[in-house]
């Protein structure tokens, strides 16, 4: 049995400890904001935080998250940084199709939690593992700068 903490709620997993964390979050816990994209950690749609660090849940086994704090998009937008990111995303109309945006926002929240005034280079580095097929990268960067100003 694997014990996990997802958004501050204790959960247990009695199945295969090698099961990808993404499937546990979506199928067993019922939190569907975290998306399946590529399944090989290349697109970032499945990004969640593990002890505050962005990880790709599609390739992270449940066992690797045991005893750590997992945060999904559902909870991330509830704190100060997440709320600022969400507000900037809305204000600047970042979303087109929206599929990748929970992963994009999770990477942005992790960046701003550690660096309140990121440069364009900092943003590019932090967001480099997140793919947006609609190519909203310019709006994503602008929203991160906007959230940064709101947090200052």
Protein backbone atom coordinates (compact mmCIF):
# COMPACT_ATOMS: atom_id res chain seq x y z
CA UNK A 1 0.00 0.00 0.00
CA UNK A 2 1.27 3.46 -0.96
CA UNK A 3 0.26 6.51 1.08
CA UNK A 4 0.04 9.82 -0.76
CA UNK A 5 -0.95 13.39 0.03
CA UNK A 6 -2.82 15.04 -2.84
CA UNK A 7 -3.80 18.67 -2.33
CA UNK A 8 -3.46 18.12 1.42
CA UNK A 9 -5.74 15.07 1.50
CA UNK A 10 -4.32 11.69 2.47
CA UNK A 11 -4.94 8.95 -0.10
CA UNK A 12 -3.86 5.35 -0.34
CA UNK A 13 -3.11 3.25 -3.41
CA UNK A 14 -3.36 -0.51 -3.07
CA UNK A 15 -2.52 -1.30 -6.69
CA UNK A 16 0.64 -1.44 -8.74
CA UNK A 17 3.24 0.97 -7.27
CA UNK A 18 4.60 1.48 -10.80
CA UNK A 19 1.26 2.94 -11.96
CA UNK A 20 1.79 6.45 -13.34
CA UNK A 21 0.80 9.11 -10.84
CA UNK A 22 -1.33 10.75 -13.55
CA UNK A 23 -3.71 7.79 -13.67
CA UNK A 24 -4.01 7.65 -9.90
CA UNK A 25 -4.83 11.38 -9.77
CA UNK A 26 -7.37 11.20 -12.61
CA UNK A 27 -8.93 7.75 -12.32
CA UNK A 28 -8.75 6.92 -8.63
CA UNK A 29 -8.89 10.35 -6.99
CA UNK A 30 -11.13 11.93 -9.64
CA UNK A 31 -9.16 15.14 -10.21
CA UNK A 32 -9.31 15.64 -13.97
CA UNK A 33 -7.59 19.02 -14.34
CA UNK A 34 -4.27 17.29 -14.91
CA UNK A 35 -4.26 16.13 -18.53
CA UNK A 36 -2.74 13.24 -20.46
CA UNK A 37 -0.79 14.55 -23.43
CA UNK A 38 2.06 12.48 -24.79
CA UNK A 39 2.71 9.89 -22.09
CA UNK A 40 6.49 10.29 -22.36
CA UNK A 41 7.12 13.53 -20.40
CA UNK A 42 7.64 15.68 -23.47
CA UNK A 43 4.57 17.95 -23.60
CA UNK A 44 3.98 19.03 -19.98
CA UNK A 45 0.17 18.65 -20.01
CA UNK A 46 0.43 16.32 -17.01
CA UNK A 47 2.51 18.68 -14.85
CA UNK A 48 1.84 18.58 -11.11
CA UNK A 49 3.97 19.67 -8.17
CA UNK A 50 5.82 17.18 -6.02
CA UNK A 51 6.97 18.98 -2.88
CA UNK A 52 6.68 22.24 -4.82
CA UNK A 53 8.65 21.15 -7.87
CA UNK A 54 7.01 20.63 -11.25
CA UNK A 55 7.11 17.01 -12.43
CA UNK A 56 5.56 15.04 -15.26
CA UNK A 57 2.99 12.78 -13.67
CA UNK A 58 2.62 10.59 -16.78
CA UNK A 59 6.04 9.01 -16.14
CA UNK A 60 6.26 9.34 -12.36
CA UNK A 61 5.28 6.12 -10.59
CA UNK A 62 2.91 6.36 -7.64
CA UNK A 63 5.65 4.84 -5.45
CA UNK A 64 7.97 7.79 -6.21
CA UNK A 65 5.42 10.17 -4.73
CA UNK A 66 4.92 8.28 -1.48
CA UNK A 67 5.27 10.52 1.56
CA UNK A 68 5.52 13.67 -0.57
CA UNK A 69 3.09 16.51 -1.11
CA UNK A 70 1.40 16.39 -4.51
CA UNK A 71 -0.36 19.53 -5.72
CA UNK A 72 -2.62 19.55 -8.76
CA UNK A 73 -4.10 22.47 -10.68
CA UNK A 74 -7.29 22.21 -8.59
CA UNK A 75 -5.39 23.28 -5.46
CA UNK A 76 -2.62 25.36 -7.04
CA UNK A 77 -4.98 28.14 -8.07
CA UNK A 78 -6.12 28.42 -4.45
CA UNK A 79 -2.91 29.96 -3.12
CA UNK A 80 -1.60 33.48 -3.66
CA UNK A 81 0.76 32.65 -6.53
CA UNK A 82 -1.70 30.33 -8.25
CA UNK A 83 -4.50 32.86 -7.97
CA UNK A 84 -2.28 35.56 -9.51
CA UNK A 85 -1.34 33.24 -12.39
CA UNK A 86 -4.97 32.30 -12.99
CA UNK A 87 -6.05 35.97 -12.93
CA UNK A 88 -3.32 36.92 -15.42
CA UNK A 89 -4.21 34.01 -17.69
CA UNK A 90 -7.81 35.30 -17.79
CA UNK A 91 -6.88 38.97 -18.06
CA UNK A 92 -4.56 38.38 -21.03
CA UNK A 93 -6.79 35.78 -22.71
CA UNK A 94 -3.99 33.21 -22.81
CA UNK A 95 -6.11 30.17 -23.54
CA UNK A 96 -7.08 29.02 -27.02
CA UNK A 97 -8.04 25.35 -26.96
CA UNK A 98 -6.99 25.12 -23.31
CA UNK A 99 -5.79 21.53 -23.25
CA UNK A 100 -2.23 22.29 -22.19
CA UNK A 101 -3.05 25.16 -19.89
CA UNK A 102 -3.24 23.34 -16.57
CA UNK A 103 0.31 22.08 -17.17
CA UNK A 104 1.42 25.52 -18.36
CA UNK A 105 -0.04 27.13 -15.25
CA UNK A 106 1.57 24.56 -12.94
CA UNK A 107 4.99 25.32 -14.42
CA UNK A 108 4.33 29.06 -14.13
CA UNK A 109 3.23 28.74 -10.50
CA UNK A 110 6.38 26.76 -9.65
CA UNK A 111 8.53 29.41 -11.33
CA UNK A 112 6.87 32.35 -9.57
CA UNK A 113 6.94 30.58 -6.19
CA UNK A 114 10.73 30.51 -6.44
CA UNK A 115 11.40 33.63 -8.53
CA UNK A 116 9.03 36.56 -8.05
CA UNK A 117 10.63 38.63 -10.84
CA UNK A 118 11.64 36.28 -13.67
CA UNK A 119 13.33 37.52 -16.81
CA UNK A 120 12.26 36.35 -20.26
CA UNK A 121 15.15 33.88 -20.12
CA UNK A 122 13.97 32.55 -16.75
CA UNK A 123 10.47 32.10 -18.12
CA UNK A 124 11.69 30.39 -21.28
CA UNK A 125 13.78 27.97 -19.24
CA UNK A 126 10.99 27.18 -16.77
CA UNK A 127 8.40 26.72 -19.51
CA UNK A 128 10.60 24.87 -22.00
CA UNK A 129 9.05 21.50 -21.18
CA UNK A 130 5.50 22.67 -21.86
CA UNK A 131 4.16 22.48 -25.39
CA UNK A 132 1.21 24.54 -26.64
CA UNK A 133 -0.05 23.39 -30.03
CA UNK A 134 -1.98 26.65 -30.36
CA UNK A 135 1.31 28.56 -29.93
CA UNK A 136 0.16 30.95 -27.21
CA UNK A 137 3.73 31.29 -25.94
CA UNK A 138 3.83 35.09 -26.25
CA UNK A 139 0.65 35.40 -24.18
CA UNK A 140 1.92 32.85 -21.66
CA UNK A 141 5.11 34.86 -21.13
CA UNK A 142 3.12 38.11 -20.85
CA UNK A 143 0.79 36.51 -18.29
CA UNK A 144 3.73 35.33 -16.21
CA UNK A 145 5.17 38.85 -16.21
CA UNK A 146 1.72 40.22 -15.31
CA UNK A 147 1.35 37.75 -12.42
CA UNK A 148 4.85 38.68 -11.27
CA UNK A 149 3.84 42.34 -11.08
CA UNK A 150 0.67 41.43 -9.17
CA UNK A 151 2.76 39.49 -6.64
CA UNK A 152 5.31 42.31 -6.16
